[in-house]
Amino acid sequence: MNNLPQNKAEKPMRSIDSQALLAGQKLITIQHGQHQYVLRLTKENKLILTK
């Protein structure tokens, strides 16, 4: 999934499987600094991230 060119000094981009992240849920919250986001799995199997 990582098709972006990388500088050889950079670490490889980390990849997290969405099923592992959602852990069987359709909706999770993600805390980023002082902000909270909602990651939602739709009926069409798409991911939507909202603030």
PDB file of N, CA and C in Angstrom:
ATOM      1  N   MET A   1       0.820  -1.192   0.000  1.00  0.00           N
ATOM      2  CA  MET A   1       0.000   0.000   0.000  1.00  0.00           C
ATOM      3  C   MET A   1       0.865   1.258   0.000  1.00  0.00           C
ATOM      4  N   ASN A   2       2.103   1.126   0.390  1.00  0.00           N
ATOM      5  CA  ASN A   2       2.998   2.278   0.446  1.00  0.00           C
ATOM      6  C   ASN A   2       3.695   2.432  -0.898  1.00  0.00           C
ATOM      7  N   ASN A   3       3.148   3.262  -1.779  1.00  0.00           N
ATOM      8  CA  ASN A   3       3.719   3.479  -3.098  1.00  0.00           C
ATOM      9  C   ASN A   3       4.481   4.790  -3.201  1.00  0.00           C
ATOM     10  N   LEU A   4       4.611   5.515  -2.103  1.00  0.00           N
ATOM     11  CA  LEU A   4       5.289   6.802  -2.117  1.00  0.00           C
ATOM     12  C   LEU A   4       6.797   6.601  -2.094  1.00  0.00           C
ATOM     13  N   PRO A   5       7.534   7.391  -2.865  1.00  0.00           N
ATOM     14  CA  PRO A   5       8.995   7.289  -2.796  1.00  0.00           C
ATOM     15  C   PRO A   5       9.486   7.712  -1.417  1.00  0.00           C
ATOM     16  N   GLN A   6      10.514   7.034  -0.940  1.00  0.00           N
ATOM     17  CA  GLN A   6      11.027   7.334   0.392  1.00  0.00           C
ATOM     18  C   GLN A   6      12.510   7.656   0.322  1.00  0.00           C
ATOM     19  N   ASN A   7      12.918   8.581   1.170  1.00  0.00           N
ATOM     20  CA  ASN A   7      14.322   8.856   1.368  1.00  0.00           C
ATOM     21  C   ASN A   7      14.899   7.642   2.088  1.00  0.00           C
ATOM     22  N   LYS A   8      16.062   7.159   1.674  1.00  0.00           N
ATOM     23  CA  LYS A   8      16.629   5.955   2.281  1.00  0.00           C
ATOM     24  C   LYS A   8      16.887   6.118   3.770  1.00  0.00           C
ATOM     25  N   ALA A   9      17.027   7.339   4.256  1.00  0.00           N
ATOM     26  CA  ALA A   9      17.266   7.578   5.676  1.00  0.00           C
ATOM     27  C   ALA A   9      15.972   7.500   6.489  1.00  0.00           C
ATOM     28  N   GLU A  10      14.818   7.570   5.823  1.00  0.00           N
ATOM     29  CA  GLU A  10      13.540   7.539   6.526  1.00  0.00           C
ATOM     30  C   GLU A  10      13.153   6.111   6.881  1.00  0.00           C
ATOM     31  N   LYS A  11      12.412   5.978   7.983  1.00  0.00           N
ATOM     32  CA  LYS A  11      11.876   4.678   8.357  1.00  0.00           C
ATOM     33  C   LYS A  11      10.713   4.348   7.433  1.00  0.00           C
ATOM     34  N   PRO A  12      10.452   3.062   7.185  1.00  0.00           N
ATOM     35  CA  PRO A  12       9.307   2.700   6.343  1.00  0.00           C
ATOM     36  C   PRO A  12       8.000   3.150   6.982  1.00  0.00           C
ATOM     37  N   MET A  13       7.027   3.503   6.145  1.00  0.00           N
ATOM     38  CA  MET A  13       5.729   3.933   6.637  1.00  0.00           C
ATOM     39  C   MET A  13       5.048   2.773   7.365  1.00  0.00           C
ATOM     40  N   ARG A  14       4.502   3.060   8.520  1.00  0.00           N
ATOM     41  CA  ARG A  14       3.818   2.055   9.327  1.00  0.00           C
ATOM     42  C   ARG A  14       2.435   1.788   8.746  1.00  0.00           C
ATOM     43  N   SER A  15       2.026   0.533   8.716  1.00  0.00           N
ATOM     44  CA  SER A  15       0.730   0.150   8.174  1.00  0.00           C
ATOM     45  C   SER A  15      -0.073  -0.577   9.251  1.00  0.00           C
ATOM     46  N   ILE A  16      -1.336  -0.184   9.418  1.00  0.00           N
ATOM     47  CA  ILE A  16      -2.222  -0.820  10.393  1.00  0.00           C
ATOM     48  C   ILE A  16      -3.454  -1.304   9.656  1.00  0.00           C
ATOM     49  N   ASP A  17      -3.782  -2.569   9.786  1.00  0.00           N
ATOM     50  CA  ASP A  17      -4.963  -3.129   9.150  1.00  0.00           C
ATOM     51  C   ASP A  17      -6.219  -2.529   9.780  1.00  0.00           C
ATOM     52  N   SER A  18      -7.164  -2.101   8.963  1.00  0.00           N
ATOM     53  CA  SER A  18      -8.375  -1.461   9.481  1.00  0.00           C
ATOM     54  C   SER A  18      -9.181  -2.400  10.375  1.00  0.00           C
ATOM     55  N   GLN A  19      -9.173  -3.694  10.078  1.00  0.00           N
ATOM     56  CA  GLN A  19      -9.899  -4.644  10.925  1.00  0.00           C
ATOM     57  C   GLN A  19      -9.287  -4.711  12.320  1.00  0.00           C
ATOM     58  N   ALA A  20      -7.970  -4.623  12.394  1.00  0.00           N
ATOM     59  CA  ALA A  20      -7.306  -4.617  13.698  1.00  0.00           C
ATOM     60  C   ALA A  20      -7.638  -3.335  14.450  1.00  0.00           C
ATOM     61  N   LEU A  21      -7.701  -2.224  13.746  1.00  0.00           N
ATOM     62  CA  LEU A  21      -8.006  -0.933  14.361  1.00  0.00           C
ATOM     63  C   LEU A  21      -9.450  -0.886  14.859  1.00  0.00           C
ATOM     64  N   LEU A  22     -10.377  -1.357  14.047  1.00  0.00           N
ATOM     65  CA  LEU A  22     -11.797  -1.309  14.408  1.00  0.00           C
ATOM     66  C   LEU A  22     -12.198  -2.422  15.388  1.00  0.00           C
ATOM     67  N   ALA A  23     -11.476  -3.533  15.383  1.00  0.00           N
ATOM     68  CA  ALA A  23     -11.716  -4.658  16.312  1.00  0.00           C
ATOM     69  C   ALA A  23     -13.187  -5.070  16.363  1.00  0.00           C
ATOM     70  N   GLY A  24     -13.797  -5.219  15.178  1.00  0.00           N
ATOM     71  CA  GLY A  24     -15.178  -5.682  15.117  1.00  0.00           C
ATOM     72  C   GLY A  24     -16.232  -4.604  15.304  1.00  0.00           C
ATOM     73  N   GLN A  25     -15.816  -3.381  15.563  1.00  0.00           N
ATOM     74  CA  GLN A  25     -16.749  -2.266  15.753  1.00  0.00           C
ATOM     75  C   GLN A  25     -16.988  -1.557  14.422  1.00  0.00           C
ATOM     76  N   LYS A  26     -18.082  -0.830  14.326  1.00  0.00           N
ATOM     77  CA  LYS A  26     -18.368  -0.015  13.138  1.00  0.00           C
ATOM     78  C   LYS A  26     -17.955   1.439  13.356  1.00  0.00           C
ATOM     79  N   LEU A  27     -17.667   1.796  14.611  1.00  0.00           N
ATOM     80  CA  LEU A  27     -17.403   3.182  14.981  1.00  0.00           C
ATOM     81  C   LEU A  27     -16.378   3.201  16.113  1.00  0.00           C
ATOM     82  N   ILE A  28     -15.313   3.989  15.942  1.00  0.00           N
ATOM     83  CA  ILE A  28     -14.341   4.169  17.023  1.00  0.00           C
ATOM     84  C   ILE A  28     -13.974   5.644  17.104  1.00  0.00           C
ATOM     85  N   THR A  29     -13.436   6.058  18.242  1.00  0.00           N
ATOM     86  CA  THR A  29     -12.935   7.418  18.383  1.00  0.00           C
ATOM     87  C   THR A  29     -11.413   7.372  18.401  1.00  0.00           C
ATOM     88  N   ILE A  30     -10.816   8.411  17.845  1.00  0.00           N
ATOM     89  CA  ILE A  30      -9.365   8.551  17.806  1.00  0.00           C
ATOM     90  C   ILE A  30      -9.021   9.891  18.438  1.00  0.00           C
ATOM     91  N   GLN A  31      -8.197   9.861  19.475  1.00  0.00           N
ATOM     92  CA  GLN A  31      -7.751  11.079  20.144  1.00  0.00           C
ATOM     93  C   GLN A  31      -6.459  11.526  19.491  1.00  0.00           C
ATOM     94  N   HIS A  32      -6.423  12.771  19.013  1.00  0.00           N
ATOM     95  CA  HIS A  32      -5.235  13.341  18.381  1.00  0.00           C
ATOM     96  C   HIS A  32      -4.983  14.692  19.035  1.00  0.00           C
ATOM     97  N   GLY A  33      -4.025  14.716  19.956  1.00  0.00           N
ATOM     98  CA  GLY A  33      -3.792  15.937  20.730  1.00  0.00           C
ATOM     99  C   GLY A  33      -5.021  16.243  21.556  1.00  0.00           C
ATOM    100  N   GLN A  34      -5.547  17.442  21.422  1.00  0.00           N
ATOM    101  CA  GLN A  34      -6.744  17.829  22.167  1.00  0.00           C
ATOM    102  C   GLN A  34      -8.022  17.588  21.370  1.00  0.00           C
ATOM    103  N   HIS A  35      -7.907  17.013  20.191  1.00  0.00           N
ATOM    104  CA  HIS A  35      -9.067  16.812  19.330  1.00  0.00           C
ATOM    105  C   HIS A  35      -9.474  15.345  19.292  1.00  0.00           C
ATOM    106  N   GLN A  36     -10.763  15.120  19.170  1.00  0.00           N
ATOM    107  CA  GLN A  36     -11.300  13.769  19.077  1.00  0.00           C
ATOM    108  C   GLN A  36     -11.950  13.595  17.704  1.00  0.00           C
ATOM    109  N   TYR A  37     -11.630  12.500  17.041  1.00  0.00           N
ATOM    110  CA  TYR A  37     -12.161  12.188  15.718  1.00  0.00           C
ATOM    111  C   TYR A  37     -12.948  10.889  15.798  1.00  0.00           C
ATOM    112  N   VAL A  38     -13.863  10.709  14.852  1.00  0.00           N
ATOM    113  CA  VAL A  38     -14.646   9.477  14.774  1.00  0.00           C
ATOM    114  C   VAL A  38     -14.306   8.789  13.458  1.00  0.00           C
ATOM    115  N   LEU A  39     -13.928   7.519  13.549  1.00  0.00           N
ATOM    116  CA  LEU A  39     -13.688   6.701  12.366  1.00  0.00           C
ATOM    117  C   LEU A  39     -14.855   5.737  12.242  1.00  0.00           C
ATOM    118  N   ARG A  40     -15.530   5.798  11.097  1.00  0.00           N
ATOM    119  CA  ARG A  40     -16.757   5.030  10.888  1.00  0.00           C
ATOM    120  C   ARG A  40     -16.592   4.111   9.678  1.00  0.00           C
ATOM    121  N   LEU A  41     -17.067   2.871   9.811  1.00  0.00           N
ATOM    122  CA  LEU A  41     -17.106   1.922   8.706  1.00  0.00           C
ATOM    123  C   LEU A  41     -18.523   1.928   8.154  1.00  0.00           C
ATOM    124  N   THR A  42     -18.670   2.247   6.868  1.00  0.00           N
ATOM    125  CA  THR A  42     -19.997   2.361   6.265  1.00  0.00           C
ATOM    126  C   THR A  42     -20.513   1.002   5.796  1.00  0.00           C
ATOM    127  N   LYS A  43     -21.785   0.975   5.417  1.00  0.00           N
ATOM    128  CA  LYS A  43     -22.392  -0.243   4.861  1.00  0.00           C
ATOM    129  C   LYS A  43     -21.712  -0.640   3.553  1.00  0.00           C
ATOM    130  N   GLU A  44     -21.121   0.334   2.866  1.00  0.00           N
ATOM    131  CA  GLU A  44     -20.418   0.080   1.606  1.00  0.00           C
ATOM    132  C   GLU A  44     -18.959  -0.320   1.837  1.00  0.00           C
ATOM    133  N   ASN A  45     -18.607  -0.565   3.108  1.00  0.00           N
ATOM    134  CA  ASN A  45     -17.260  -0.982   3.511  1.00  0.00           C
ATOM    135  C   ASN A  45     -16.211   0.103   3.237  1.00  0.00           C
ATOM    136  N   LYS A  46     -16.615   1.364   3.379  1.00  0.00           N
ATOM    137  CA  LYS A  46     -15.695   2.493   3.243  1.00  0.00           C
ATOM    138  C   LYS A  46     -15.456   3.098   4.618  1.00  0.00           C
ATOM    139  N   LEU A  47     -14.309   3.755   4.769  1.00  0.00           N
ATOM    140  CA  LEU A  47     -13.977   4.417   6.024  1.00  0.00           C
ATOM    141  C   LEU A  47     -14.206   5.915   5.897  1.00  0.00           C
ATOM    142  N   ILE A  48     -14.807   6.502   6.931  1.00  0.00           N
ATOM    143  CA  ILE A  48     -15.025   7.945   6.982  1.00  0.00           C
ATOM    144  C   ILE A  48     -14.469   8.454   8.306  1.00  0.00           C
ATOM    145  N   LEU A  49     -13.590   9.455   8.239  1.00  0.00           N
ATOM    146  CA  LEU A  49     -13.017  10.078   9.428  1.00  0.00           C
ATOM    147  C   LEU A  49     -13.590  11.481   9.553  1.00  0.00           C
ATOM    148  N   THR A  50     -14.229  11.763  10.691  1.00  0.00           N
ATOM    149  CA  THR A  50     -14.818  13.086  10.920  1.00  0.00           C
ATOM    150  C   THR A  50     -14.358  13.630  12.255  1.00  0.00           C
ATOM    151  N   LYS A  51     -14.418  14.952  12.365  1.00  0.00           N
ATOM    152  CA  LYS A  51     -14.038  15.629  13.603  1.00  0.00           C
ATOM    153  C   LYS A  51     -15.262  15.892  14.427  1.00  0.00           C
TER     154      LYS A  51
END
